[in-house]
């Protein structure tokens, strides 16, 4: 018997109740993690296309998202 499944997208995974529960237990801020992933994707696209980074809305993305990933414990 073969099982077929469709992999979750990153957005679906970040909104999955189990993922959210693990992030909460690990004190990970979902918005900061998503912002870091968006920035990383933009950088990878730019590097792949050998073009400068596209404009990014500074209000949406923190200057350095890494410290924001973990909430103060």
PDB file of N, CA and C in Angstrom:
ATOM      1  N   UNK A   1       0.852  -1.173   0.000  1.00  0.00           N
ATOM      2  CA  UNK A   1       0.000   0.000   0.000  1.00  0.00           C
ATOM      3  C   UNK A   1       0.901   1.240   0.000  1.00  0.00           C
ATOM      4  N   UNK A   2       0.652   2.134  -0.911  1.00  0.00           N
ATOM      5  CA  UNK A   2       1.449   3.350  -1.018  1.00  0.00           C
ATOM      6  C   UNK A   2       0.696   4.507  -0.357  1.00  0.00           C
ATOM      7  N   UNK A   3       1.459   5.316   0.356  1.00  0.00           N
ATOM      8  CA  UNK A   3       0.893   6.503   0.980  1.00  0.00           C
ATOM      9  C   UNK A   3       1.380   7.723   0.225  1.00  0.00           C
ATOM     10  N   UNK A   4       0.475   8.601  -0.095  1.00  0.00           N
ATOM     11  CA  UNK A   4       0.827   9.829  -0.793  1.00  0.00           C
ATOM     12  C   UNK A   4       0.468  10.998   0.105  1.00  0.00           C
ATOM     13  N   UNK A   5       1.359  11.932   0.219  1.00  0.00           N
ATOM     14  CA  UNK A   5       1.090  13.118   1.004  1.00  0.00           C
ATOM     15  C   UNK A   5       1.732  14.312   0.333  1.00  0.00           C
ATOM     16  N   UNK A   6       1.226  15.449   0.654  1.00  0.00           N
ATOM     17  CA  UNK A   6       1.757  16.692   0.124  1.00  0.00           C
ATOM     18  C   UNK A   6       2.476  17.396   1.266  1.00  0.00           C
ATOM     19  N   UNK A   7       3.709  17.778   1.018  1.00  0.00           N
ATOM     20  CA  UNK A   7       4.490  18.463   2.043  1.00  0.00           C
ATOM     21  C   UNK A   7       3.870  19.821   2.350  1.00  0.00           C
ATOM     22  N   UNK A   8       3.952  20.221   3.603  1.00  0.00           N
ATOM     23  CA  UNK A   8       3.446  21.532   4.004  1.00  0.00           C
ATOM     24  C   UNK A   8       4.358  22.631   3.479  1.00  0.00           C
ATOM     25  N   UNK A   9       3.770  23.766   3.176  1.00  0.00           N
ATOM     26  CA  UNK A   9       4.575  24.933   2.842  1.00  0.00           C
ATOM     27  C   UNK A   9       5.114  25.504   4.158  1.00  0.00           C
ATOM     28  N   UNK A  10       6.095  26.381   4.061  1.00  0.00           N
ATOM     29  CA  UNK A  10       6.636  27.016   5.265  1.00  0.00           C
ATOM     30  C   UNK A  10       5.528  27.779   5.991  1.00  0.00           C
ATOM     31  N   UNK A  11       4.691  28.487   5.256  1.00  0.00           N
ATOM     32  CA  UNK A  11       3.608  29.243   5.871  1.00  0.00           C
ATOM     33  C   UNK A  11       2.639  28.323   6.611  1.00  0.00           C
ATOM     34  N   UNK A  12       2.293  27.192   5.989  1.00  0.00           N
ATOM     35  CA  UNK A  12       1.412  26.232   6.643  1.00  0.00           C
ATOM     36  C   UNK A  12       2.065  25.646   7.887  1.00  0.00           C
ATOM     37  N   UNK A  13       3.341  25.341   7.784  1.00  0.00           N
ATOM     38  CA  UNK A  13       4.069  24.779   8.913  1.00  0.00           C
ATOM     39  C   UNK A  13       4.126  25.769  10.079  1.00  0.00           C
ATOM     40  N   UNK A  14       4.388  27.043   9.772  1.00  0.00           N
ATOM     41  CA  UNK A  14       4.477  28.048  10.834  1.00  0.00           C
ATOM     42  C   UNK A  14       3.129  28.325  11.490  1.00  0.00           C
ATOM     43  N   UNK A  15       2.028  27.977  10.821  1.00  0.00           N
ATOM     44  CA  UNK A  15       0.692  28.171  11.384  1.00  0.00           C
ATOM     45  C   UNK A  15       0.080  26.886  11.922  1.00  0.00           C
ATOM     46  N   UNK A  16       0.822  25.798  11.882  1.00  0.00           N
ATOM     47  CA  UNK A  16       0.350  24.509  12.384  1.00  0.00           C
ATOM     48  C   UNK A  16       0.274  24.557  13.912  1.00  0.00           C
ATOM     49  N   UNK A  17      -0.806  24.073  14.504  1.00  0.00           N
ATOM     50  CA  UNK A  17      -0.946  24.126  15.960  1.00  0.00           C
ATOM     51  C   UNK A  17       0.190  23.423  16.716  1.00  0.00           C
ATOM     52  N   UNK A  18       0.677  22.314  16.203  1.00  0.00           N
ATOM     53  CA  UNK A  18       1.764  21.602  16.881  1.00  0.00           C
ATOM     54  C   UNK A  18       3.058  22.418  16.817  1.00  0.00           C
ATOM     55  N   UNK A  19       3.327  23.012  15.661  1.00  0.00           N
ATOM     56  CA  UNK A  19       4.516  23.850  15.517  1.00  0.00           C
ATOM     57  C   UNK A  19       4.425  25.054  16.439  1.00  0.00           C
ATOM     58  N   UNK A  20       3.257  25.669  16.498  1.00  0.00           N
ATOM     59  CA  UNK A  20       3.075  26.827  17.379  1.00  0.00           C
ATOM     60  C   UNK A  20       3.275  26.447  18.844  1.00  0.00           C
ATOM     61  N   UNK A  21       2.813  25.264  19.231  1.00  0.00           N
ATOM     62  CA  UNK A  21       2.988  24.807  20.611  1.00  0.00           C
ATOM     63  C   UNK A  21       4.471  24.594  20.937  1.00  0.00           C
ATOM     64  N   UNK A  22       5.211  24.011  20.000  1.00  0.00           N
ATOM     65  CA  UNK A  22       6.653  23.793  20.212  1.00  0.00           C
ATOM     66  C   UNK A  22       7.378  25.137  20.280  1.00  0.00           C
ATOM     67  N   UNK A  23       7.028  26.064  19.386  1.00  0.00           N
ATOM     68  CA  UNK A  23       7.666  27.380  19.412  1.00  0.00           C
ATOM     69  C   UNK A  23       7.370  28.099  20.727  1.00  0.00           C
ATOM     70  N   UNK A  24       6.138  27.980  21.227  1.00  0.00           N
ATOM     71  CA  UNK A  24       5.796  28.612  22.495  1.00  0.00           C
ATOM     72  C   UNK A  24       6.605  27.988  23.631  1.00  0.00           C
ATOM     73  N   UNK A  25       6.726  26.668  23.643  1.00  0.00           N
ATOM     74  CA  UNK A  25       7.507  25.988  24.682  1.00  0.00           C
ATOM     75  C   UNK A  25       8.983  26.384  24.630  1.00  0.00           C
ATOM     76  N   UNK A  26       9.480  26.667  23.426  1.00  0.00           N
ATOM     77  CA  UNK A  26      10.887  27.054  23.254  1.00  0.00           C
ATOM     78  C   UNK A  26      11.083  28.565  23.289  1.00  0.00           C
ATOM     79  N   UNK A  27      10.018  29.307  23.570  1.00  0.00           N
ATOM     80  CA  UNK A  27      10.066  30.773  23.647  1.00  0.00           C
ATOM     81  C   UNK A  27      10.520  31.394  22.329  1.00  0.00           C
ATOM     82  N   UNK A  28      10.015  30.857  21.223  1.00  0.00           N
ATOM     83  CA  UNK A  28      10.321  31.394  19.897  1.00  0.00           C
ATOM     84  C   UNK A  28       9.150  32.271  19.451  1.00  0.00           C
ATOM     85  N   UNK A  29       9.455  33.482  19.029  1.00  0.00           N
ATOM     86  CA  UNK A  29       8.439  34.403  18.550  1.00  0.00           C
ATOM     87  C   UNK A  29       8.133  34.069  17.087  1.00  0.00           C
ATOM     88  N   UNK A  30       6.921  33.581  16.772  1.00  0.00           N
ATOM     89  CA  UNK A  30       6.594  33.204  15.399  1.00  0.00           C
ATOM     90  C   UNK A  30       6.766  34.344  14.390  1.00  0.00           C
ATOM     91  N   UNK A  31       6.404  35.560  14.766  1.00  0.00           N
ATOM     92  CA  UNK A  31       6.534  36.697  13.840  1.00  0.00           C
ATOM     93  C   UNK A  31       8.004  36.990  13.538  1.00  0.00           C
ATOM     94  N   UNK A  32       8.851  36.919  14.551  1.00  0.00           N
ATOM     95  CA  UNK A  32      10.285  37.171  14.333  1.00  0.00           C
ATOM     96  C   UNK A  32      10.903  36.075  13.470  1.00  0.00           C
ATOM     97  N   UNK A  33      10.489  34.832  13.689  1.00  0.00           N
ATOM     98  CA  UNK A  33      11.007  33.730  12.874  1.00  0.00           C
ATOM     99  C   UNK A  33      10.575  33.901  11.423  1.00  0.00           C
ATOM    100  N   UNK A  34       9.301  34.242  11.211  1.00  0.00           N
ATOM    101  CA  UNK A  34       8.812  34.441   9.849  1.00  0.00           C
ATOM    102  C   UNK A  34       9.550  35.595   9.173  1.00  0.00           C
ATOM    103  N   UNK A  35       9.793  36.677   9.917  1.00  0.00           N
ATOM    104  CA  UNK A  35      10.524  37.820   9.362  1.00  0.00           C
ATOM    105  C   UNK A  35      11.938  37.403   8.948  1.00  0.00           C
ATOM    106  N   UNK A  36      12.595  36.599   9.777  1.00  0.00           N
ATOM    107  CA  UNK A  36      13.938  36.144   9.444  1.00  0.00           C
ATOM    108  C   UNK A  36      13.914  35.270   8.179  1.00  0.00           C
ATOM    109  N   UNK A  37      12.905  34.415   8.065  1.00  0.00           N
ATOM    110  CA  UNK A  37      12.803  33.559   6.882  1.00  0.00           C
ATOM    111  C   UNK A  37      12.537  34.375   5.621  1.00  0.00           C
ATOM    112  N   UNK A  38      11.721  35.414   5.734  1.00  0.00           N
ATOM    113  CA  UNK A  38      11.434  36.283   4.586  1.00  0.00           C
ATOM    114  C   UNK A  38      12.715  36.975   4.133  1.00  0.00           C
ATOM    115  N   UNK A  39      13.472  37.494   5.090  1.00  0.00           N
ATOM    116  CA  UNK A  39      14.740  38.170   4.749  1.00  0.00           C
ATOM    117  C   UNK A  39      15.718  37.196   4.111  1.00  0.00           C
ATOM    118  N   UNK A  40      15.808  36.008   4.661  1.00  0.00           N
ATOM    119  CA  UNK A  40      16.726  35.006   4.116  1.00  0.00           C
ATOM    120  C   UNK A  40      16.329  34.631   2.696  1.00  0.00           C
ATOM    121  N   UNK A  41      15.040  34.444   2.463  1.00  0.00           N
ATOM    122  CA  UNK A  41      14.570  34.109   1.119  1.00  0.00           C
ATOM    123  C   UNK A  41      14.908  35.227   0.136  1.00  0.00           C
ATOM    124  N   UNK A  42      14.727  36.473   0.571  1.00  0.00           N
ATOM    125  CA  UNK A  42      15.045  37.610  -0.302  1.00  0.00           C
ATOM    126  C   UNK A  42      16.532  37.635  -0.636  1.00  0.00           C
ATOM    127  N   UNK A  43      17.361  37.375   0.359  1.00  0.00           N
ATOM    128  CA  UNK A  43      18.808  37.361   0.121  1.00  0.00           C
ATOM    129  C   UNK A  43      19.206  36.221  -0.820  1.00  0.00           C
ATOM    130  N   UNK A  44      18.599  35.064  -0.642  1.00  0.00           N
ATOM    131  CA  UNK A  44      18.915  33.930  -1.513  1.00  0.00           C
ATOM    132  C   UNK A  44      18.471  34.198  -2.951  1.00  0.00           C
ATOM    133  N   UNK A  45      17.278  34.800  -3.102  1.00  0.00           N
ATOM    134  CA  UNK A  45      16.821  35.138  -4.452  1.00  0.00           C
ATOM    135  C   UNK A  45      17.763  36.139  -5.095  1.00  0.00           C
ATOM    136  N   UNK A  46      18.161  37.153  -4.328  1.00  0.00           N
ATOM    137  CA  UNK A  46      19.053  38.177  -4.863  1.00  0.00           C
ATOM    138  C   UNK A  46      20.405  37.580  -5.235  1.00  0.00           C
ATOM    139  N   UNK A  47      20.933  36.711  -4.406  1.00  0.00           N
ATOM    140  CA  UNK A  47      22.228  36.085  -4.698  1.00  0.00           C
ATOM    141  C   UNK A  47      22.106  35.183  -5.919  1.00  0.00           C
ATOM    142  N   UNK A  48      20.971  34.501  -6.044  1.00  0.00           N
ATOM    143  CA  UNK A  48      20.760  33.604  -7.173  1.00  0.00           C
ATOM    144  C   UNK A  48      20.629  34.382  -8.477  1.00  0.00           C
ATOM    145  N   UNK A  49      20.033  35.549  -8.413  1.00  0.00           N
ATOM    146  CA  UNK A  49      19.833  36.370  -9.613  1.00  0.00           C
ATOM    147  C   UNK A  49      20.990  37.332  -9.836  1.00  0.00           C
ATOM    148  N   UNK A  50      21.926  37.368  -8.891  1.00  0.00           N
ATOM    149  CA  UNK A  50      23.068  38.263  -8.970  1.00  0.00           C
ATOM    150  C   UNK A  50      22.630  39.717  -9.121  1.00  0.00           C
ATOM    151  N   UNK A  51      21.599  40.071  -8.341  1.00  0.00           N
ATOM    152  CA  UNK A  51      21.083  41.434  -8.331  1.00  0.00           C
ATOM    153  C   UNK A  51      21.028  41.919  -6.889  1.00  0.00           C
ATOM    154  N   UNK A  52      20.947  43.225  -6.682  1.00  0.00           N
ATOM    155  CA  UNK A  52      20.824  43.725  -5.311  1.00  0.00           C
ATOM    156  C   UNK A  52      19.504  43.289  -4.679  1.00  0.00           C
ATOM    157  N   UNK A  53      19.452  43.327  -3.366  1.00  0.00           N
ATOM    158  CA  UNK A  53      18.229  42.969  -2.657  1.00  0.00           C
ATOM    159  C   UNK A  53      17.079  43.880  -3.057  1.00  0.00           C
ATOM    160  N   UNK A  54      15.887  43.317  -3.189  1.00  0.00           N
ATOM    161  CA  UNK A  54      14.726  44.162  -3.467  1.00  0.00           C
ATOM    162  C   UNK A  54      14.409  44.998  -2.233  1.00  0.00           C
ATOM    163  N   UNK A  55      13.623  46.050  -2.418  1.00  0.00           N
ATOM    164  CA  UNK A  55      13.244  46.883  -1.277  1.00  0.00           C
ATOM    165  C   UNK A  55      12.457  46.066  -0.267  1.00  0.00           C
ATOM    166  N   UNK A  56      12.784  46.227   0.988  1.00  0.00           N
ATOM    167  CA  UNK A  56      12.100  45.514   2.067  1.00  0.00           C
ATOM    168  C   UNK A  56      11.507  46.557   2.998  1.00  0.00           C
ATOM    169  N   UNK A  57      10.255  46.368   3.361  1.00  0.00           N
ATOM    170  CA  UNK A  57       9.580  47.284   4.263  1.00  0.00           C
ATOM    171  C   UNK A  57      10.197  47.178   5.651  1.00  0.00           C
ATOM    172  N   UNK A  58      10.933  48.189   6.060  1.00  0.00           N
ATOM    173  CA  UNK A  58      11.639  48.167   7.336  1.00  0.00           C
ATOM    174  C   UNK A  58      10.676  48.065   8.522  1.00  0.00           C
ATOM    175  N   UNK A  59       9.446  48.518   8.358  1.00  0.00           N
ATOM    176  CA  UNK A  59       8.484  48.422   9.458  1.00  0.00           C
ATOM    177  C   UNK A  59       8.104  46.977   9.730  1.00  0.00           C
ATOM    178  N   UNK A  60       8.175  46.135   8.719  1.00  0.00           N
ATOM    179  CA  UNK A  60       7.797  44.731   8.876  1.00  0.00           C
ATOM    180  C   UNK A  60       8.940  43.887   9.409  1.00  0.00           C
ATOM    181  N   UNK A  61      10.160  44.179   8.981  1.00  0.00           N
ATOM    182  CA  UNK A  61      11.298  43.347   9.343  1.00  0.00           C
ATOM    183  C   UNK A  61      12.220  44.048  10.329  1.00  0.00           C
ATOM    184  N   UNK A  62      12.594  43.349  11.405  1.00  0.00           N
ATOM    185  CA  UNK A  62      13.552  43.941  12.332  1.00  0.00           C
ATOM    186  C   UNK A  62      14.937  44.021  11.685  1.00  0.00           C
ATOM    187  N   UNK A  63      15.756  44.958  12.150  1.00  0.00           N
ATOM    188  CA  UNK A  63      17.103  45.118  11.594  1.00  0.00           C
ATOM    189  C   UNK A  63      17.923  43.849  11.801  1.00  0.00           C
ATOM    190  N   UNK A  64      17.812  43.236  12.955  1.00  0.00           N
ATOM    191  CA  UNK A  64      18.538  41.997  13.251  1.00  0.00           C
ATOM    192  C   UNK A  64      17.561  41.056  13.941  1.00  0.00           C
ATOM    193  N   UNK A  65      16.890  40.153  13.198  1.00  0.00           N
ATOM    194  CA  UNK A  65      15.830  39.335  13.785  1.00  0.00           C
ATOM    195  C   UNK A  65      16.319  38.247  14.730  1.00  0.00           C
ATOM    196  N   UNK A  66      17.585  37.870  14.672  1.00  0.00           N
ATOM    197  CA  UNK A  66      18.060  36.739  15.477  1.00  0.00           C
ATOM    198  C   UNK A  66      17.823  36.944  16.965  1.00  0.00           C
ATOM    199  N   UNK A  67      18.185  38.098  17.559  1.00  0.00           N
ATOM    200  CA  UNK A  67      17.918  38.249  18.993  1.00  0.00           C
ATOM    201  C   UNK A  67      16.423  38.205  19.326  1.00  0.00           C
ATOM    202  N   UNK A  68      15.558  38.526  18.368  1.00  0.00           N
ATOM    203  CA  UNK A  68      14.132  38.540  18.615  1.00  0.00           C
ATOM    204  C   UNK A  68      13.494  37.162  18.542  1.00  0.00           C
ATOM    205  N   UNK A  69      14.239  36.148  18.106  1.00  0.00           N
ATOM    206  CA  UNK A  69      13.651  34.826  17.951  1.00  0.00           C
ATOM    207  C   UNK A  69      13.250  34.221  19.302  1.00  0.00           C
ATOM    208  N   UNK A  70      14.043  34.476  20.311  1.00  0.00           N
ATOM    209  CA  UNK A  70      13.719  33.946  21.634  1.00  0.00           C
ATOM    210  C   UNK A  70      13.253  35.091  22.528  1.00  0.00           C
ATOM    211  N   UNK A  71      12.122  34.893  23.143  1.00  0.00           N
ATOM    212  CA  UNK A  71      11.615  35.885  24.072  1.00  0.00           C
ATOM    213  C   UNK A  71      12.426  35.782  25.359  1.00  0.00           C
ATOM    214  N   UNK A  72      12.473  36.835  26.099  1.00  0.00           N
ATOM    215  CA  UNK A  72      13.168  36.807  27.381  1.00  0.00           C
ATOM    216  C   UNK A  72      12.500  35.787  28.291  1.00  0.00           C
ATOM    217  N   UNK A  73      13.304  34.970  28.898  1.00  0.00           N
ATOM    218  CA  UNK A  73      12.767  33.894  29.770  1.00  0.00           C
ATOM    219  C   UNK A  73      12.745  34.365  31.190  1.00  0.00           C
TER     220      UNK A  73
END
